[in-house]
C-alpha cells in the first residue's frame, strides 16, 4: 500500500507535541505503548508540554495494540519520525530516544536494533525482556505473539529470540549507547527477576552503559512521581547533553 501518512494528517497516526515547540527541535522522544493500549489523544498532554518546553518532539504512535515490536511496527515508527524530520527540515542524525512501558519497554529496546535511525539512548519502564519466557508467563500472551509475528519465517521458538531484548543483548546486537531501565519490585505482570534483572546482568557483563533504577513496593509500571520525573529527565538528558 502507498502510505497515507502525511504531516497534515500526522495526528491521525500519532500523538505529537511538535506544534507546541517554539524553538528549533533538538531531538525526538518516541514512546511506545503497553499491550492493549488503544488510547488516542486530542490537544496537548502534560508530558508533551514538558518535552516541548525543552524543544524536544514527543511522539506516541497509534500502533496495533498487539504488535509488540514486529516489522510493521518498526516501519511505522520509522515512517512517523521521517515525516517529522521532513516537515521541519531536520537532519537524519537528529537525536532520538526510544522509550515505553511493559510491551512498550520491550518495543523501546527492540527498536534500538532494527530502527532505520539508531536512537542515541533507550529508557524503559518494567520492560518485557525475555520473550520466550514471557510467552509462558500469562495466558493472554500467546495469541498476541502469534498476531504480531505470524508473518515471520520459522517456529515460535525460532522467531522470538529475534525480537527478545535479552537474547539481542546476549548476542551484542543492541547498540552500545546509554540505557536506563526502571522496574518495580511488586510487578506481577512482568516479573522483575525474570526480565530486567536478567537483562541488566547480561548487559553489564557485555560492557553496556546501563543504569538500573529499582522501584520498591510498586506494581507493574507504577512509577511514583519522582521516578516518572527521573524517566523523563533521562530521556531529555540523552538529547540535550
C-alpha atoms as a PDB file:
ATOM      1  CA  UNK A   1       0.000   0.000   0.000  1.00  0.00           C
ATOM      2  CA  UNK A   2       1.115   3.551  -0.680  1.00  0.00           C
ATOM      3  CA  UNK A   3       1.378   5.178   2.721  1.00  0.00           C
ATOM      4  CA  UNK A   4      -1.457   7.544   3.651  1.00  0.00           C
ATOM      5  CA  UNK A   5       0.631   9.298   6.317  1.00  0.00           C
ATOM      6  CA  UNK A   6       1.448  12.960   5.694  1.00  0.00           C
ATOM      7  CA  UNK A   7       2.313  15.797   8.014  1.00  0.00           C
ATOM      8  CA  UNK A   8      -1.180  17.223   7.523  1.00  0.00           C
ATOM      9  CA  UNK A   9      -2.815  14.055   8.903  1.00  0.00           C
ATOM     10  CA  UNK A  10       0.030  13.008  11.216  1.00  0.00           C
ATOM     11  CA  UNK A  11      -2.207  13.302  14.300  1.00  0.00           C
ATOM     12  CA  UNK A  12      -4.440  10.533  12.977  1.00  0.00           C
ATOM     13  CA  UNK A  13      -1.468   8.204  13.426  1.00  0.00           C
ATOM     14  CA  UNK A  14       0.432   9.508  16.453  1.00  0.00           C
ATOM     15  CA  UNK A  15       0.301  11.977  19.282  1.00  0.00           C
ATOM     16  CA  UNK A  16       2.831  14.724  18.605  1.00  0.00           C
ATOM     17  CA  UNK A  17       3.695  17.847  20.555  1.00  0.00           C
ATOM     18  CA  UNK A  18       5.635  19.473  17.700  1.00  0.00           C
ATOM     19  CA  UNK A  19       3.164  22.377  17.385  1.00  0.00           C
ATOM     20  CA  UNK A  20       3.858  23.329  20.999  1.00  0.00           C
ATOM     21  CA  UNK A  21       7.581  23.764  20.297  1.00  0.00           C
ATOM     22  CA  UNK A  22       8.588  27.384  19.729  1.00  0.00           C
ATOM     23  CA  UNK A  23      12.283  26.897  19.002  1.00  0.00           C
ATOM     24  CA  UNK A  24      14.277  24.512  16.829  1.00  0.00           C
ATOM     25  CA  UNK A  25      13.538  20.854  17.526  1.00  0.00           C
ATOM     26  CA  UNK A  26      16.600  19.378  19.236  1.00  0.00           C
ATOM     27  CA  UNK A  27      15.544  15.744  19.305  1.00  0.00           C
ATOM     28  CA  UNK A  28      12.677  13.251  19.347  1.00  0.00           C
ATOM     29  CA  UNK A  29      11.402  11.004  22.141  1.00  0.00           C
ATOM     30  CA  UNK A  30       9.261   8.169  20.791  1.00  0.00           C
ATOM     31  CA  UNK A  31       7.133   6.480  23.446  1.00  0.00           C
ATOM     32  CA  UNK A  32       5.776   3.020  22.597  1.00  0.00           C
ATOM     33  CA  UNK A  33       2.583   1.993  24.426  1.00  0.00           C
ATOM     34  CA  UNK A  34       1.875  -1.100  26.505  1.00  0.00           C
ATOM     35  CA  UNK A  35      -0.121  -4.091  25.271  1.00  0.00           C
ATOM     36  CA  UNK A  36      -3.793  -3.429  24.642  1.00  0.00           C
ATOM     37  CA  UNK A  37      -3.437   0.346  24.752  1.00  0.00           C
ATOM     38  CA  UNK A  38      -5.688   1.963  22.153  1.00  0.00           C
ATOM     39  CA  UNK A  39      -5.652   5.487  23.593  1.00  0.00           C
ATOM     40  CA  UNK A  40      -5.889   8.488  21.292  1.00  0.00           C
ATOM     41  CA  UNK A  41      -5.087  11.994  22.446  1.00  0.00           C
ATOM     42  CA  UNK A  42      -6.620  15.292  21.372  1.00  0.00           C
ATOM     43  CA  UNK A  43      -4.876  18.575  22.046  1.00  0.00           C
ATOM     44  CA  UNK A  44      -1.939  18.556  24.412  1.00  0.00           C
ATOM     45  CA  UNK A  45      -0.583  16.312  27.170  1.00  0.00           C
ATOM     46  CA  UNK A  46       1.411  17.359  30.262  1.00  0.00           C
ATOM     47  CA  UNK A  47       4.354  15.185  29.215  1.00  0.00           C
ATOM     48  CA  UNK A  48       4.190  16.620  25.724  1.00  0.00           C
ATOM     49  CA  UNK A  49       4.277  20.123  27.180  1.00  0.00           C
ATOM     50  CA  UNK A  50       7.236  19.168  29.388  1.00  0.00           C
ATOM     51  CA  UNK A  51       9.266  17.986  26.405  1.00  0.00           C
ATOM     52  CA  UNK A  52       8.109  20.886  24.213  1.00  0.00           C
ATOM     53  CA  UNK A  53       9.487  23.343  26.781  1.00  0.00           C
ATOM     54  CA  UNK A  54      12.870  21.722  26.125  1.00  0.00           C
ATOM     55  CA  UNK A  55      12.457  21.808  22.315  1.00  0.00           C
ATOM     56  CA  UNK A  56      12.046  18.026  22.171  1.00  0.00           C
ATOM     57  CA  UNK A  57       9.396  16.423  19.966  1.00  0.00           C
ATOM     58  CA  UNK A  58       7.366  13.734  21.734  1.00  0.00           C
ATOM     59  CA  UNK A  59       5.579  11.016  19.773  1.00  0.00           C
ATOM     60  CA  UNK A  60       3.193   8.285  20.967  1.00  0.00           C
ATOM     61  CA  UNK A  61       2.494   6.122  17.892  1.00  0.00           C
ATOM     62  CA  UNK A  62      -1.022   4.735  17.477  1.00  0.00           C
ATOM     63  CA  UNK A  63       0.169   1.288  16.513  1.00  0.00           C
ATOM     64  CA  UNK A  64      -1.508  -2.101  16.722  1.00  0.00           C
ATOM     65  CA  UNK A  65      -2.166  -2.762  20.452  1.00  0.00           C
ATOM     66  CA  UNK A  66      -0.871  -6.332  19.977  1.00  0.00           C
ATOM     67  CA  UNK A  67       2.015  -5.508  17.638  1.00  0.00           C
ATOM     68  CA  UNK A  68       4.851  -5.869  20.118  1.00  0.00           C
ATOM     69  CA  UNK A  69       7.790  -4.631  18.017  1.00  0.00           C
ATOM     70  CA  UNK A  70       7.231  -6.552  14.827  1.00  0.00           C
ATOM     71  CA  UNK A  71       8.499  -5.416  11.452  1.00  0.00           C
ATOM     72  CA  UNK A  72       5.326  -3.454  10.666  1.00  0.00           C
ATOM     73  CA  UNK A  73       5.605  -1.554  13.959  1.00  0.00           C
ATOM     74  CA  UNK A  74       9.282  -0.819  13.285  1.00  0.00           C
ATOM     75  CA  UNK A  75       8.493   0.531   9.809  1.00  0.00           C
ATOM     76  CA  UNK A  76       5.579   2.569  11.200  1.00  0.00           C
ATOM     77  CA  UNK A  77       7.796   4.226  13.836  1.00  0.00           C
ATOM     78  CA  UNK A  78      10.463   4.934  11.216  1.00  0.00           C
ATOM     79  CA  UNK A  79       7.830   6.500   8.964  1.00  0.00           C
ATOM     80  CA  UNK A  80       6.400   8.796  11.647  1.00  0.00           C
ATOM     81  CA  UNK A  81       9.861  10.059  12.535  1.00  0.00           C
ATOM     82  CA  UNK A  82      10.651  10.551   8.854  1.00  0.00           C
ATOM     83  CA  UNK A  83       7.526  12.680   8.321  1.00  0.00           C
ATOM     84  CA  UNK A  84       8.518  14.930  11.222  1.00  0.00           C
ATOM     85  CA  UNK A  85      12.112  15.279  10.024  1.00  0.00           C
ATOM     86  CA  UNK A  86      10.960  16.185   6.513  1.00  0.00           C
ATOM     87  CA  UNK A  87       8.390  18.726   7.702  1.00  0.00           C
ATOM     88  CA  UNK A  88      10.942  20.702   9.691  1.00  0.00           C
ATOM     89  CA  UNK A  89      13.975  20.105   7.501  1.00  0.00           C
ATOM     90  CA  UNK A  90      15.727  18.287  10.345  1.00  0.00           C
ATOM     91  CA  UNK A  91      18.875  16.191   9.853  1.00  0.00           C
ATOM     92  CA  UNK A  92      18.692  12.416   9.590  1.00  0.00           C
ATOM     93  CA  UNK A  93      21.041  12.136  12.586  1.00  0.00           C
ATOM     94  CA  UNK A  94      18.799  14.172  14.901  1.00  0.00           C
ATOM     95  CA  UNK A  95      18.988  12.538  18.368  1.00  0.00           C
ATOM     96  CA  UNK A  96      16.168  10.079  19.029  1.00  0.00           C
ATOM     97  CA  UNK A  97      15.359   8.390  22.345  1.00  0.00           C
ATOM     98  CA  UNK A  98      13.303   5.197  22.444  1.00  0.00           C
ATOM     99  CA  UNK A  99      11.090   4.675  25.493  1.00  0.00           C
ATOM    100  CA  UNK A 100       7.963   2.904  26.731  1.00  0.00           C
ATOM    101  CA  UNK A 101       6.340   0.771  29.444  1.00  0.00           C
ATOM    102  CA  UNK A 102       5.828  -3.016  29.530  1.00  0.00           C
ATOM    103  CA  UNK A 103       5.252  -4.158  25.930  1.00  0.00           C
ATOM    104  CA  UNK A 104       6.295  -0.615  25.040  1.00  0.00           C
ATOM    105  CA  UNK A 105       9.500  -1.140  27.039  1.00  0.00           C
ATOM    106  CA  UNK A 106      10.118  -4.285  25.009  1.00  0.00           C
ATOM    107  CA  UNK A 107       9.443  -2.216  21.912  1.00  0.00           C
ATOM    108  CA  UNK A 108      11.784   0.550  23.020  1.00  0.00           C
ATOM    109  CA  UNK A 109      14.612  -1.964  23.482  1.00  0.00           C
ATOM    110  CA  UNK A 110      13.961  -3.972  20.321  1.00  0.00           C
ATOM    111  CA  UNK A 111      13.575  -0.826  18.221  1.00  0.00           C
ATOM    112  CA  UNK A 112      17.171   0.011  19.129  1.00  0.00           C
ATOM    113  CA  UNK A 113      18.303  -2.899  16.934  1.00  0.00           C
ATOM    114  CA  UNK A 114      16.005  -2.502  13.936  1.00  0.00           C
ATOM    115  CA  UNK A 115      15.318   1.239  13.688  1.00  0.00           C
ATOM    116  CA  UNK A 116      16.227   2.998  10.448  1.00  0.00           C
ATOM    117  CA  UNK A 117      17.841   5.754  12.548  1.00  0.00           C
ATOM    118  CA  UNK A 118      19.507   4.214  15.607  1.00  0.00           C
ATOM    119  CA  UNK A 119      18.379   6.034  18.764  1.00  0.00           C
ATOM    120  CA  UNK A 120      21.017   7.622  20.973  1.00  0.00           C
ATOM    121  CA  UNK A 121      19.522   6.110  24.153  1.00  0.00           C
ATOM    122  CA  UNK A 122      16.783   3.847  25.487  1.00  0.00           C
ATOM    123  CA  UNK A 123      14.700   4.390  28.638  1.00  0.00           C
ATOM    124  CA  UNK A 124      12.338   1.521  29.523  1.00  0.00           C
ATOM    125  CA  UNK A 125       9.773   1.066  32.310  1.00  0.00           C
ATOM    126  CA  UNK A 126       9.138  -2.521  33.533  1.00  0.00           C
ATOM    127  CA  UNK A 127      10.060  -3.888  30.102  1.00  0.00           C
ATOM    128  CA  UNK A 128       9.428  -7.363  28.786  1.00  0.00           C
ATOM    129  CA  UNK A 129      12.962  -8.626  28.180  1.00  0.00           C
ATOM    130  CA  UNK A 130      12.786 -12.411  27.770  1.00  0.00           C
ATOM    131  CA  UNK A 131      10.240 -13.046  25.024  1.00  0.00           C
ATOM    132  CA  UNK A 132      10.364 -16.884  25.118  1.00  0.00           C
ATOM    133  CA  UNK A 133       9.774 -16.880  28.880  1.00  0.00           C
ATOM    134  CA  UNK A 134       7.028 -14.258  28.641  1.00  0.00           C
ATOM    135  CA  UNK A 135       5.191 -16.479  26.150  1.00  0.00           C
ATOM    136  CA  UNK A 136       4.548 -18.826  29.091  1.00  0.00           C
ATOM    137  CA  UNK A 137       4.049 -16.137  31.745  1.00  0.00           C
ATOM    138  CA  UNK A 138       0.354 -15.319  31.154  1.00  0.00           C
ATOM    139  CA  UNK A 139      -2.414 -16.944  29.061  1.00  0.00           C
ATOM    140  CA  UNK A 140      -3.217 -13.701  27.216  1.00  0.00           C
ATOM    141  CA  UNK A 141       0.246 -13.567  25.654  1.00  0.00           C
ATOM    142  CA  UNK A 142       0.388 -16.454  23.114  1.00  0.00           C
ATOM    143  CA  UNK A 143      -2.349 -15.023  20.847  1.00  0.00           C
ATOM    144  CA  UNK A 144      -0.744 -11.582  20.902  1.00  0.00           C
ATOM    145  CA  UNK A 145       2.617 -13.079  19.955  1.00  0.00           C
ATOM    146  CA  UNK A 146       1.046 -15.058  17.128  1.00  0.00           C
ATOM    147  CA  UNK A 147      -0.751 -11.973  15.786  1.00  0.00           C
ATOM    148  CA  UNK A 148       2.452  -9.944  15.988  1.00  0.00           C
ATOM    149  CA  UNK A 149       4.868 -12.404  14.393  1.00  0.00           C
ATOM    150  CA  UNK A 150       2.708 -14.636  12.176  1.00  0.00           C
ATOM    151  CA  UNK A 151       4.461 -13.417   9.034  1.00  0.00           C
ATOM    152  CA  UNK A 152       7.940 -14.276  10.330  1.00  0.00           C
ATOM    153  CA  UNK A 153       9.630 -17.391   8.981  1.00  0.00           C
ATOM    154  CA  UNK A 154      10.139 -20.293  11.353  1.00  0.00           C
ATOM    155  CA  UNK A 155       8.597 -21.689  14.507  1.00  0.00           C
ATOM    156  CA  UNK A 156       7.676 -19.580  17.518  1.00  0.00           C
ATOM    157  CA  UNK A 157      10.805 -20.890  19.248  1.00  0.00           C
ATOM    158  CA  UNK A 158      12.928 -19.680  16.316  1.00  0.00           C
ATOM    159  CA  UNK A 159      11.201 -16.320  15.872  1.00  0.00           C
ATOM    160  CA  UNK A 160      11.003 -14.949  19.414  1.00  0.00           C
ATOM    161  CA  UNK A 161      14.765 -14.616  20.074  1.00  0.00           C
ATOM    162  CA  UNK A 162      14.978 -12.230  17.086  1.00  0.00           C
ATOM    163  CA  UNK A 163      12.744  -9.788  18.970  1.00  0.00           C
ATOM    164  CA  UNK A 164      13.772 -10.571  22.552  1.00  0.00           C
ATOM    165  CA  UNK A 165      15.893  -7.859  24.236  1.00  0.00           C
ATOM    166  CA  UNK A 166      17.598 -10.401  26.492  1.00  0.00           C
ATOM    167  CA  UNK A 167      18.658 -12.533  23.546  1.00  0.00           C
ATOM    168  CA  UNK A 168      19.647  -9.488  21.493  1.00  0.00           C
ATOM    169  CA  UNK A 169      21.827  -8.306  24.385  1.00  0.00           C
ATOM    170  CA  UNK A 170      23.429 -11.729  24.740  1.00  0.00           C
ATOM    171  CA  UNK A 171      24.308 -11.591  21.037  1.00  0.00           C
ATOM    172  CA  UNK A 172      25.509  -7.961  21.470  1.00  0.00           C
ATOM    173  CA  UNK A 173      23.107  -6.787  18.789  1.00  0.00           C
ATOM    174  CA  UNK A 174      21.813  -3.931  20.936  1.00  0.00           C
ATOM    175  CA  UNK A 175      23.812  -0.795  20.068  1.00  0.00           C
ATOM    176  CA  UNK A 176      26.320   0.369  22.674  1.00  0.00           C
ATOM    177  CA  UNK A 177      24.514   3.515  23.795  1.00  0.00           C
ATOM    178  CA  UNK A 178      23.185   4.502  27.255  1.00  0.00           C
ATOM    179  CA  UNK A 179      20.253   2.527  28.664  1.00  0.00           C
ATOM    180  CA  UNK A 180      18.111   3.336  31.689  1.00  0.00           C
ATOM    181  CA  UNK A 181      15.856   0.570  32.995  1.00  0.00           C
ATOM    182  CA  UNK A 182      13.156   1.062  35.637  1.00  0.00           C
ATOM    183  CA  UNK A 183      11.450  -1.914  37.260  1.00  0.00           C
ATOM    184  CA  UNK A 184       9.030  -2.119  40.185  1.00  0.00           C
ATOM    185  CA  UNK A 185       9.650  -4.813  42.802  1.00  0.00           C
ATOM    186  CA  UNK A 186       5.952  -5.733  43.204  1.00  0.00           C
ATOM    187  CA  UNK A 187       5.392  -6.199  39.453  1.00  0.00           C
ATOM    188  CA  UNK A 188       3.231  -9.308  38.985  1.00  0.00           C
ATOM    189  CA  UNK A 189       2.596  -8.874  35.241  1.00  0.00           C
ATOM    190  CA  UNK A 190       6.244  -8.777  34.095  1.00  0.00           C
ATOM    191  CA  UNK A 191       8.444 -10.360  36.729  1.00  0.00           C
ATOM    192  CA  UNK A 192      11.447  -8.237  37.600  1.00  0.00           C
ATOM    193  CA  UNK A 193      13.630 -11.273  38.386  1.00  0.00           C
ATOM    194  CA  UNK A 194      12.914 -12.896  35.027  1.00  0.00           C
ATOM    195  CA  UNK A 195      13.144  -9.788  32.882  1.00  0.00           C
ATOM    196  CA  UNK A 196      15.010  -6.619  33.883  1.00  0.00           C
ATOM    197  CA  UNK A 197      17.271  -8.307  36.449  1.00  0.00           C
ATOM    198  CA  UNK A 198      18.489 -10.751  33.847  1.00  0.00           C
ATOM    199  CA  UNK A 199      18.770  -8.171  31.055  1.00  0.00           C
ATOM    200  CA  UNK A 200      20.767  -5.743  33.187  1.00  0.00           C
ATOM    201  CA  UNK A 201      23.066  -8.563  34.363  1.00  0.00           C
ATOM    202  CA  UNK A 202      23.811  -9.589  30.779  1.00  0.00           C
ATOM    203  CA  UNK A 203      24.265  -6.005  29.619  1.00  0.00           C
ATOM    204  CA  UNK A 204      26.726  -5.231  32.395  1.00  0.00           C
ATOM    205  CA  UNK A 205      28.726  -8.357  31.628  1.00  0.00           C
ATOM    206  CA  UNK A 206      28.802  -7.331  27.953  1.00  0.00           C
ATOM    207  CA  UNK A 207      30.063  -3.827  28.778  1.00  0.00           C
ATOM    208  CA  UNK A 208      26.902  -1.820  28.115  1.00  0.00           C
ATOM    209  CA  UNK A 209      26.289   1.556  29.741  1.00  0.00           C
ATOM    210  CA  UNK A 210      23.159   0.726  31.757  1.00  0.00           C
ATOM    211  CA  UNK A 211      21.546   2.476  34.715  1.00  0.00           C
ATOM    212  CA  UNK A 212      19.149   0.293  36.712  1.00  0.00           C
ATOM    213  CA  UNK A 213      16.533   2.043  38.845  1.00  0.00           C
ATOM    214  CA  UNK A 214      14.742  -0.439  41.103  1.00  0.00           C
ATOM    215  CA  UNK A 215      11.437   0.959  42.372  1.00  0.00           C
ATOM    216  CA  UNK A 216      10.353  -0.628  45.693  1.00  0.00           C
ATOM    217  CA  UNK A 217       6.824  -1.660  46.656  1.00  0.00           C
ATOM    218  CA  UNK A 218       5.152  -0.627  43.396  1.00  0.00           C
ATOM    219  CA  UNK A 219       3.228  -2.698  40.860  1.00  0.00           C
ATOM    220  CA  UNK A 220       3.590  -3.004  37.111  1.00  0.00           C
ATOM    221  CA  UNK A 221       4.815   0.255  35.539  1.00  0.00           C
ATOM    222  CA  UNK A 222       3.508   2.169  38.595  1.00  0.00           C
ATOM    223  CA  UNK A 223       6.290   4.714  38.938  1.00  0.00           C
ATOM    224  CA  UNK A 224       5.881   7.284  41.729  1.00  0.00           C
ATOM    225  CA  UNK A 225       6.133  10.940  40.677  1.00  0.00           C
ATOM    226  CA  UNK A 226       9.842  11.258  41.455  1.00  0.00           C
ATOM    227  CA  UNK A 227      10.700   8.191  39.338  1.00  0.00           C
ATOM    228  CA  UNK A 228       8.486   9.352  36.472  1.00  0.00           C
ATOM    229  CA  UNK A 229      10.312  12.692  36.633  1.00  0.00           C
ATOM    230  CA  UNK A 230      13.614  10.781  36.518  1.00  0.00           C
ATOM    231  CA  UNK A 231      12.432   8.825  33.471  1.00  0.00           C
ATOM    232  CA  UNK A 232      11.575  11.990  31.550  1.00  0.00           C
ATOM    233  CA  UNK A 233      14.826  13.616  32.619  1.00  0.00           C
ATOM    234  CA  UNK A 234      16.836  10.612  31.409  1.00  0.00           C
ATOM    235  CA  UNK A 235      15.155  10.959  28.003  1.00  0.00           C
ATOM    236  CA  UNK A 236      15.847  14.702  27.848  1.00  0.00           C
ATOM    237  CA  UNK A 237      19.442  14.401  29.060  1.00  0.00           C
ATOM    238  CA  UNK A 238      20.272  11.928  26.291  1.00  0.00           C
ATOM    239  CA  UNK A 239      19.235  14.547  23.730  1.00  0.00           C
ATOM    240  CA  UNK A 240      20.433  17.761  25.378  1.00  0.00           C
ATOM    241  CA  UNK A 241      23.814  16.620  26.715  1.00  0.00           C
END
